Amino acid sequence: MRGVADQTALEEADIGGKADRAVVRDALGVGVAVGLSGFAFGVTSAGSGLTLLQTCALSLLVFTGASQFALVGALAAGGSPFTAAAGAFFLGVRNAFYGLRLSQLLALPRVVRPFAAQWVIDETAAVTLAQPTRRAARLGFVVTGLSLYILWNLTTLLGALGAEAIGDTDAWGLDAAGPAVFLALLAPMLKTGTERVVAALAVLLGLGLLPVLPAGVPVLLAALAAPLVLWADGRRKGQGAAR
């Protein structure tokens, strides 16, 4: 009986080891793929007039790509620091909702929660929520967060240094790198028809208001796309139910 029990334990350990390696592989894939985008942020930030120190501080302290690109994009367009920061803030609010779900799933000790909160972003939430067990969720969260944080900050530094070395980033066409990466990060998140409609309306609002409003303000008003679409969708469903 002992031999059978030992064999069963070895098989379970082998299965567990393969599962852990799969989680690490997937988490590293996400961390490396997205972390390399930090180079584009470094170039964009330096091209918008921020110093090397300011650029690196944004990646170290803010660490959410969409908000970072929105901030430097608004500044590059001539927006005030207030409107730029406000746009970045509203984009980052979604991470608080991720945190509510992840705090229950991960159940981390209180002492490490403030540090873990820094890594609550789209990518870590996606990898964590895809795991079947708490152990796998914790492993996915840590590996994704650590690899992405290190690589994002390293490539931010390299991008900013490279932008300073080549001088005028607009002349090289690198001013388009930030928006392109921003769209690349956003596109995979649009999975439903409602989400796509919200994104399309936000683009129309942002571009339509850009010529008539100060830089940074169209980004804030584009946030109205979500409640407008949800209101219209709710009204449509209500009318359908009434019929």
C-alpha atoms as a PDB file:
ATOM      1  CA  MET A   1       0.000   0.000   0.000  1.00  0.00           C
ATOM      2  CA  ARG A   2       2.852   2.353   0.812  1.00  0.00           C
ATOM      3  CA  GLY A   3       4.307   1.822  -2.678  1.00  0.00           C
ATOM      4  CA  VAL A   4       0.987   2.723  -4.281  1.00  0.00           C
ATOM      5  CA  ALA A   5       0.663   5.814  -2.089  1.00  0.00           C
ATOM      6  CA  ASP A   6       4.210   6.925  -2.922  1.00  0.00           C
ATOM      7  CA  GLN A   7       3.567   6.420  -6.644  1.00  0.00           C
ATOM      8  CA  THR A   8       0.356   8.451  -6.410  1.00  0.00           C
ATOM      9  CA  ALA A   9       2.169  11.240  -4.584  1.00  0.00           C
ATOM     10  CA  LEU A  10       4.886  11.328  -7.235  1.00  0.00           C
ATOM     11  CA  GLU A  11       2.312  11.494 -10.019  1.00  0.00           C
ATOM     12  CA  GLU A  12       0.456  14.322  -8.285  1.00  0.00           C
ATOM     13  CA  ALA A  13       3.727  16.197  -7.755  1.00  0.00           C
ATOM     14  CA  ASP A  14       4.618  15.748 -11.428  1.00  0.00           C
ATOM     15  CA  ILE A  15       1.208  17.032 -12.526  1.00  0.00           C
ATOM     16  CA  GLY A  16       1.553  19.985 -10.156  1.00  0.00           C
ATOM     17  CA  GLY A  17       5.020  20.756 -11.485  1.00  0.00           C
ATOM     18  CA  LYS A  18       3.809  20.736 -15.093  1.00  0.00           C
ATOM     19  CA  ALA A  19       0.905  23.010 -14.170  1.00  0.00           C
ATOM     20  CA  ASP A  20       3.272  25.455 -12.457  1.00  0.00           C
ATOM     21  CA  ARG A  21       5.605  25.491 -15.453  1.00  0.00           C
ATOM     22  CA  ALA A  22       2.656  26.211 -17.746  1.00  0.00           C
ATOM     23  CA  VAL A  23       1.605  29.158 -15.594  1.00  0.00           C
ATOM     24  CA  VAL A  24       5.161  30.525 -15.499  1.00  0.00           C
ATOM     25  CA  ARG A  25       5.503  30.124 -19.269  1.00  0.00           C
ATOM     26  CA  ASP A  26       2.272  31.978 -19.971  1.00  0.00           C
ATOM     27  CA  ALA A  27       3.035  34.695 -17.430  1.00  0.00           C
ATOM     28  CA  LEU A  28       6.518  35.280 -18.809  1.00  0.00           C
ATOM     29  CA  GLY A  29       5.107  35.433 -22.329  1.00  0.00           C
ATOM     30  CA  VAL A  30       2.748  38.223 -21.329  1.00  0.00           C
ATOM     31  CA  GLY A  31       5.415  40.021 -19.287  1.00  0.00           C
ATOM     32  CA  VAL A  32       7.971  40.008 -22.086  1.00  0.00           C
ATOM     33  CA  ALA A  33       5.524  40.863 -24.888  1.00  0.00           C
ATOM     34  CA  VAL A  34       4.063  43.874 -23.090  1.00  0.00           C
ATOM     35  CA  GLY A  35       7.251  44.860 -21.273  1.00  0.00           C
ATOM     36  CA  LEU A  36       9.018  45.583 -24.553  1.00  0.00           C
ATOM     37  CA  SER A  37       6.432  48.300 -25.210  1.00  0.00           C
ATOM     38  CA  GLY A  38       8.115  50.357 -22.511  1.00  0.00           C
ATOM     39  CA  PHE A  39      10.676  51.344 -25.144  1.00  0.00           C
ATOM     40  CA  ALA A  40       7.951  53.158 -27.112  1.00  0.00           C
ATOM     41  CA  PHE A  41       6.816  54.902 -23.950  1.00  0.00           C
ATOM     42  CA  GLY A  42      10.349  56.062 -23.185  1.00  0.00           C
ATOM     43  CA  VAL A  43      10.709  57.497 -26.689  1.00  0.00           C
ATOM     44  CA  THR A  44       7.277  59.153 -26.583  1.00  0.00           C
ATOM     45  CA  SER A  45       7.795  60.616 -23.122  1.00  0.00           C
ATOM     46  CA  ALA A  46      11.198  62.058 -23.968  1.00  0.00           C
ATOM     47  CA  GLY A  47       9.802  63.421 -27.227  1.00  0.00           C
ATOM     48  CA  SER A  48       6.995  65.189 -25.337  1.00  0.00           C
ATOM     49  CA  GLY A  49       9.542  67.153 -23.304  1.00  0.00           C
ATOM     50  CA  LEU A  50       9.806  65.140 -20.097  1.00  0.00           C
ATOM     51  CA  THR A  51      13.250  64.613 -18.663  1.00  0.00           C
ATOM     52  CA  LEU A  52      14.904  61.229 -18.281  1.00  0.00           C
ATOM     53  CA  LEU A  53      14.199  61.292 -14.539  1.00  0.00           C
ATOM     54  CA  GLN A  54      10.531  62.201 -15.016  1.00  0.00           C
ATOM     55  CA  THR A  55      10.080  59.509 -17.652  1.00  0.00           C
ATOM     56  CA  CYS A  56      11.591  56.783 -15.481  1.00  0.00           C
ATOM     57  CA  ALA A  57       9.656  57.993 -12.422  1.00  0.00           C
ATOM     58  CA  LEU A  58       6.382  57.575 -14.318  1.00  0.00           C
ATOM     59  CA  SER A  59       7.159  53.957 -15.126  1.00  0.00           C
ATOM     60  CA  LEU A  60       8.390  53.210 -11.629  1.00  0.00           C
ATOM     61  CA  LEU A  61       5.520  54.859  -9.754  1.00  0.00           C
ATOM     62  CA  VAL A  62       2.523  54.869 -12.111  1.00  0.00           C
ATOM     63  CA  PHE A  63       3.205  51.608 -13.966  1.00  0.00           C
ATOM     64  CA  THR A  64       0.105  51.389 -16.109  1.00  0.00           C
ATOM     65  CA  GLY A  65       0.814  51.789 -19.801  1.00  0.00           C
ATOM     66  CA  ALA A  66      -2.484  53.289 -20.935  1.00  0.00           C
ATOM     67  CA  SER A  67      -2.372  56.033 -18.292  1.00  0.00           C
ATOM     68  CA  GLN A  68       1.281  56.771 -18.986  1.00  0.00           C
ATOM     69  CA  PHE A  69       0.733  57.111 -22.743  1.00  0.00           C
ATOM     70  CA  ALA A  70      -2.357  59.266 -22.155  1.00  0.00           C
ATOM     71  CA  LEU A  71      -0.424  61.571 -19.845  1.00  0.00           C
ATOM     72  CA  VAL A  72       2.564  62.183 -22.103  1.00  0.00           C
ATOM     73  CA  GLY A  73       0.327  62.336 -25.182  1.00  0.00           C
ATOM     74  CA  ALA A  74      -1.731  65.153 -23.682  1.00  0.00           C
ATOM     75  CA  LEU A  75       1.402  67.000 -22.607  1.00  0.00           C
ATOM     76  CA  ALA A  76       2.923  66.613 -26.066  1.00  0.00           C
ATOM     77  CA  ALA A  77      -0.241  68.082 -27.595  1.00  0.00           C
ATOM     78  CA  GLY A  78       0.094  71.164 -25.399  1.00  0.00           C
ATOM     79  CA  GLY A  79      -2.381  70.209 -22.697  1.00  0.00           C
ATOM     80  CA  SER A  80      -2.062  71.466 -19.149  1.00  0.00           C
ATOM     81  CA  PRO A  81      -0.566  69.170 -16.512  1.00  0.00           C
ATOM     82  CA  PHE A  82      -3.975  69.109 -14.770  1.00  0.00           C
ATOM     83  CA  THR A  83      -5.953  67.844 -17.767  1.00  0.00           C
ATOM     84  CA  ALA A  84      -3.177  65.403 -18.663  1.00  0.00           C
ATOM     85  CA  ALA A  85      -3.128  63.999 -15.127  1.00  0.00           C
ATOM     86  CA  ALA A  86      -6.930  63.855 -15.007  1.00  0.00           C
ATOM     87  CA  GLY A  87      -7.107  61.830 -18.222  1.00  0.00           C
ATOM     88  CA  ALA A  88      -4.454  59.440 -16.948  1.00  0.00           C
ATOM     89  CA  PHE A  89      -6.286  59.109 -13.631  1.00  0.00           C
ATOM     90  CA  PHE A  90      -9.612  58.155 -15.210  1.00  0.00           C
ATOM     91  CA  LEU A  91      -7.901  55.537 -17.352  1.00  0.00           C
ATOM     92  CA  GLY A  92      -6.238  54.099 -14.269  1.00  0.00           C
ATOM     93  CA  VAL A  93      -9.422  53.871 -12.198  1.00  0.00           C
ATOM     94  CA  ARG A  94     -10.229  50.485 -13.728  1.00  0.00           C
ATOM     95  CA  ASN A  95      -7.281  48.999 -11.835  1.00  0.00           C
ATOM     96  CA  ALA A  96      -9.110  49.646  -8.566  1.00  0.00           C
ATOM     97  CA  PHE A  97     -11.906  47.343  -9.732  1.00  0.00           C
ATOM     98  CA  TYR A  98      -9.353  44.701 -10.690  1.00  0.00           C
ATOM     99  CA  GLY A  99      -7.941  45.027  -7.195  1.00  0.00           C
ATOM    100  CA  LEU A 100     -11.283  44.267  -5.560  1.00  0.00           C
ATOM    101  CA  ARG A 101     -11.534  40.969  -7.427  1.00  0.00           C
ATOM    102  CA  LEU A 102      -7.885  40.007  -7.099  1.00  0.00           C
ATOM    103  CA  SER A 103      -7.780  40.697  -3.364  1.00  0.00           C
ATOM    104  CA  GLN A 104     -10.418  38.008  -2.833  1.00  0.00           C
ATOM    105  CA  LEU A 105      -8.811  35.545  -5.214  1.00  0.00           C
ATOM    106  CA  LEU A 106      -5.201  35.933  -4.036  1.00  0.00           C
ATOM    107  CA  ALA A 107      -5.932  36.458  -0.319  1.00  0.00           C
ATOM    108  CA  LEU A 108      -2.452  37.869   0.252  1.00  0.00           C
ATOM    109  CA  PRO A 109      -1.152  38.744   3.734  1.00  0.00           C
ATOM    110  CA  ARG A 110      -1.923  42.323   4.740  1.00  0.00           C
ATOM    111  CA  VAL A 111       1.744  43.269   4.919  1.00  0.00           C
ATOM    112  CA  VAL A 112       2.343  42.615   1.212  1.00  0.00           C
ATOM    113  CA  ARG A 113      -0.929  44.015  -0.166  1.00  0.00           C
ATOM    114  CA  PRO A 114       0.350  47.611  -0.586  1.00  0.00           C
ATOM    115  CA  PHE A 115       3.280  46.313  -2.652  1.00  0.00           C
ATOM    116  CA  ALA A 116       1.090  43.931  -4.657  1.00  0.00           C
ATOM    117  CA  ALA A 117      -1.273  46.804  -5.480  1.00  0.00           C
ATOM    118  CA  GLN A 118       1.457  48.338  -7.650  1.00  0.00           C
ATOM    119  CA  TRP A 119       1.202  45.339  -9.974  1.00  0.00           C
ATOM    120  CA  VAL A 120      -2.589  45.351 -10.337  1.00  0.00           C
ATOM    121  CA  ILE A 121      -2.920  46.131 -14.049  1.00  0.00           C
ATOM    122  CA  ASP A 122      -4.668  44.659 -17.096  1.00  0.00           C
ATOM    123  CA  GLU A 123      -2.031  42.008 -17.803  1.00  0.00           C
ATOM    124  CA  THR A 124      -1.620  40.670 -14.269  1.00  0.00           C
ATOM    125  CA  ALA A 125      -5.397  40.606 -13.801  1.00  0.00           C
ATOM    126  CA  ALA A 126      -5.887  38.681 -17.042  1.00  0.00           C
ATOM    127  CA  VAL A 127      -3.272  36.035 -16.186  1.00  0.00           C
ATOM    128  CA  THR A 128      -4.413  35.707 -12.573  1.00  0.00           C
ATOM    129  CA  LEU A 129      -8.117  35.376 -13.321  1.00  0.00           C
ATOM    130  CA  ALA A 130      -7.412  32.687 -15.919  1.00  0.00           C
ATOM    131  CA  GLN A 131      -5.970  30.288 -13.312  1.00  0.00           C
ATOM    132  CA  PRO A 132      -8.011  27.447 -11.805  1.00  0.00           C
ATOM    133  CA  THR A 133      -6.518  27.470  -8.292  1.00  0.00           C
ATOM    134  CA  ARG A 134      -5.319  30.035  -5.768  1.00  0.00           C
ATOM    135  CA  ARG A 135      -1.775  28.674  -5.946  1.00  0.00           C
ATOM    136  CA  ALA A 136      -1.697  29.057  -9.727  1.00  0.00           C
ATOM    137  CA  ALA A 137      -3.298  32.508  -9.470  1.00  0.00           C
ATOM    138  CA  ARG A 138      -0.629  33.699  -7.043  1.00  0.00           C
ATOM    139  CA  LEU A 139       2.135  32.269  -9.204  1.00  0.00           C
ATOM    140  CA  GLY A 140       0.726  33.879 -12.334  1.00  0.00           C
ATOM    141  CA  PHE A 141       0.300  37.234 -10.605  1.00  0.00           C
ATOM    142  CA  VAL A 142       3.836  37.317  -9.210  1.00  0.00           C
ATOM    143  CA  VAL A 143       5.607  36.135 -12.370  1.00  0.00           C
ATOM    144  CA  THR A 144       3.623  38.443 -14.651  1.00  0.00           C
ATOM    145  CA  GLY A 145       3.990  41.429 -12.346  1.00  0.00           C
ATOM    146  CA  LEU A 146       7.689  40.955 -11.660  1.00  0.00           C
ATOM    147  CA  SER A 147       8.753  40.273 -15.253  1.00  0.00           C
ATOM    148  CA  LEU A 148       6.622  43.068 -16.651  1.00  0.00           C
ATOM    149  CA  TYR A 149       7.695  45.613 -14.027  1.00  0.00           C
ATOM    150  CA  ILE A 150      11.405  44.934 -14.539  1.00  0.00           C
ATOM    151  CA  LEU A 151      11.266  44.844 -18.324  1.00  0.00           C
ATOM    152  CA  TRP A 152       8.912  47.823 -18.657  1.00  0.00           C
ATOM    153  CA  ASN A 153      11.168  50.023 -16.556  1.00  0.00           C
ATOM    154  CA  LEU A 154      14.324  48.812 -18.287  1.00  0.00           C
ATOM    155  CA  THR A 155      12.939  49.453 -21.766  1.00  0.00           C
ATOM    156  CA  THR A 156      11.546  52.823 -20.637  1.00  0.00           C
ATOM    157  CA  LEU A 157      15.074  53.834 -19.672  1.00  0.00           C
ATOM    158  CA  LEU A 158      16.506  52.578 -22.967  1.00  0.00           C
ATOM    159  CA  GLY A 159      13.796  54.348 -24.962  1.00  0.00           C
ATOM    160  CA  ALA A 160      14.332  57.653 -23.192  1.00  0.00           C
ATOM    161  CA  LEU A 161      18.108  57.415 -23.613  1.00  0.00           C
ATOM    162  CA  GLY A 162      17.667  56.545 -27.277  1.00  0.00           C
ATOM    163  CA  ALA A 163      15.333  59.503 -27.831  1.00  0.00           C
ATOM    164  CA  GLU A 164      17.881  61.849 -26.280  1.00  0.00           C
ATOM    165  CA  ALA A 165      20.615  60.404 -28.495  1.00  0.00           C
ATOM    166  CA  ILE A 166      18.746  60.803 -31.802  1.00  0.00           C
ATOM    167  CA  GLY A 167      17.382  64.236 -30.999  1.00  0.00           C
ATOM    168  CA  ASP A 168      14.157  65.215 -32.772  1.00  0.00           C
ATOM    169  CA  THR A 169      11.867  62.161 -32.526  1.00  0.00           C
ATOM    170  CA  ASP A 170       9.295  63.738 -34.869  1.00  0.00           C
ATOM    171  CA  ALA A 171      11.823  63.796 -37.698  1.00  0.00           C
ATOM    172  CA  TRP A 172      12.222  60.017 -37.343  1.00  0.00           C
ATOM    173  CA  GLY A 173       8.478  59.418 -37.155  1.00  0.00           C
ATOM    174  CA  LEU A 174       8.804  58.069 -33.618  1.00  0.00           C
ATOM    175  CA  ASP A 175       6.092  60.410 -32.362  1.00  0.00           C
ATOM    176  CA  ALA A 176       3.626  57.839 -33.721  1.00  0.00           C
ATOM    177  CA  ALA A 177       5.120  55.014 -31.645  1.00  0.00           C
ATOM    178  CA  GLY A 178       3.209  55.913 -28.486  1.00  0.00           C
ATOM    179  CA  PRO A 179      -0.281  56.036 -30.033  1.00  0.00           C
ATOM    180  CA  ALA A 180       0.425  52.873 -32.023  1.00  0.00           C
ATOM    181  CA  VAL A 181       1.421  50.903 -28.923  1.00  0.00           C
ATOM    182  CA  PHE A 182      -1.503  52.371 -26.984  1.00  0.00           C
ATOM    183  CA  LEU A 183      -3.916  51.031 -29.618  1.00  0.00           C
ATOM    184  CA  ALA A 184      -2.105  47.690 -29.655  1.00  0.00           C
ATOM    185  CA  LEU A 185      -2.588  47.376 -25.885  1.00  0.00           C
ATOM    186  CA  LEU A 186      -6.226  48.405 -26.094  1.00  0.00           C
ATOM    187  CA  ALA A 187      -7.432  46.381 -29.079  1.00  0.00           C
ATOM    188  CA  PRO A 188      -7.306  42.887 -27.454  1.00  0.00           C
ATOM    189  CA  MET A 189      -9.519  44.125 -24.607  1.00  0.00           C
ATOM    190  CA  LEU A 190     -12.425  44.923 -26.944  1.00  0.00           C
ATOM    191  CA  LYS A 191     -14.166  41.554 -26.961  1.00  0.00           C
ATOM    192  CA  THR A 192     -17.879  42.401 -27.104  1.00  0.00           C
ATOM    193  CA  GLY A 193     -19.949  44.484 -29.462  1.00  0.00           C
ATOM    194  CA  THR A 194     -20.757  46.978 -26.714  1.00  0.00           C
ATOM    195  CA  GLU A 195     -17.062  47.485 -25.922  1.00  0.00           C
ATOM    196  CA  ARG A 196     -16.296  48.103 -29.593  1.00  0.00           C
ATOM    197  CA  VAL A 197     -19.107  50.646 -29.860  1.00  0.00           C
ATOM    198  CA  VAL A 198     -17.798  52.452 -26.766  1.00  0.00           C
ATOM    199  CA  ALA A 199     -14.295  52.552 -28.260  1.00  0.00           C
ATOM    200  CA  ALA A 200     -15.566  53.837 -31.620  1.00  0.00           C
ATOM    201  CA  LEU A 201     -17.673  56.555 -30.000  1.00  0.00           C
ATOM    202  CA  ALA A 202     -14.765  57.588 -27.770  1.00  0.00           C
ATOM    203  CA  VAL A 203     -12.549  57.955 -30.849  1.00  0.00           C
ATOM    204  CA  LEU A 204     -15.189  60.058 -32.605  1.00  0.00           C
ATOM    205  CA  LEU A 205     -15.633  62.299 -29.574  1.00  0.00           C
ATOM    206  CA  GLY A 206     -11.904  62.701 -29.062  1.00  0.00           C
ATOM    207  CA  LEU A 207     -11.085  63.468 -32.679  1.00  0.00           C
ATOM    208  CA  GLY A 208     -14.189  65.581 -33.247  1.00  0.00           C
ATOM    209  CA  LEU A 209     -13.562  67.801 -30.239  1.00  0.00           C
ATOM    210  CA  LEU A 210      -9.795  68.043 -30.729  1.00  0.00           C
ATOM    211  CA  PRO A 211      -9.894  71.105 -33.043  1.00  0.00           C
ATOM    212  CA  VAL A 212     -12.219  73.138 -30.800  1.00  0.00           C
ATOM    213  CA  LEU A 213     -11.124  72.330 -27.246  1.00  0.00           C
ATOM    214  CA  PRO A 214      -7.810  72.680 -25.356  1.00  0.00           C
ATOM    215  CA  ALA A 215      -5.475  69.697 -25.512  1.00  0.00           C
ATOM    216  CA  GLY A 216      -6.324  67.052 -22.934  1.00  0.00           C
ATOM    217  CA  VAL A 217      -9.985  68.057 -22.569  1.00  0.00           C
ATOM    218  CA  PRO A 218     -11.217  65.896 -25.498  1.00  0.00           C
ATOM    219  CA  VAL A 219      -9.736  62.848 -23.761  1.00  0.00           C
ATOM    220  CA  LEU A 220     -11.764  63.592 -20.647  1.00  0.00           C
ATOM    221  CA  LEU A 221     -14.972  64.123 -22.604  1.00  0.00           C
ATOM    222  CA  ALA A 222     -14.366  60.930 -24.587  1.00  0.00           C
ATOM    223  CA  ALA A 223     -14.891  59.087 -21.297  1.00  0.00           C
ATOM    224  CA  LEU A 224     -18.593  59.954 -21.667  1.00  0.00           C
ATOM    225  CA  ALA A 225     -18.789  57.322 -24.416  1.00  0.00           C
ATOM    226  CA  ALA A 226     -19.151  54.482 -21.906  1.00  0.00           C
ATOM    227  CA  PRO A 227     -22.172  55.810 -19.946  1.00  0.00           C
ATOM    228  CA  LEU A 228     -23.854  56.989 -23.173  1.00  0.00           C
ATOM    229  CA  VAL A 229     -23.564  53.589 -24.839  1.00  0.00           C
ATOM    230  CA  LEU A 230     -24.615  51.729 -21.687  1.00  0.00           C
ATOM    231  CA  TRP A 231     -27.639  54.014 -21.284  1.00  0.00           C
ATOM    232  CA  ALA A 232     -28.663  53.505 -24.910  1.00  0.00           C
ATOM    233  CA  ASP A 233     -28.126  49.745 -24.638  1.00  0.00           C
ATOM    234  CA  GLY A 234     -30.184  49.548 -21.450  1.00  0.00           C
ATOM    235  CA  ARG A 235     -32.997  51.569 -22.981  1.00  0.00           C
ATOM    236  CA  ARG A 236     -33.019  49.392 -26.099  1.00  0.00           C
ATOM    237  CA  LYS A 237     -33.224  46.205 -24.026  1.00  0.00           C
ATOM    238  CA  GLY A 238     -35.966  47.709 -21.877  1.00  0.00           C
ATOM    239  CA  GLN A 239     -38.040  48.568 -24.930  1.00  0.00           C
ATOM    240  CA  GLY A 240     -37.502  45.065 -26.308  1.00  0.00           C
ATOM    241  CA  ALA A 241     -38.681  43.488 -23.052  1.00  0.00           C
ATOM    242  CA  ALA A 242     -41.761  45.719 -23.004  1.00  0.00           C
ATOM    243  CA  ARG A 243     -42.760  44.500 -26.444  1.00  0.00           C
END
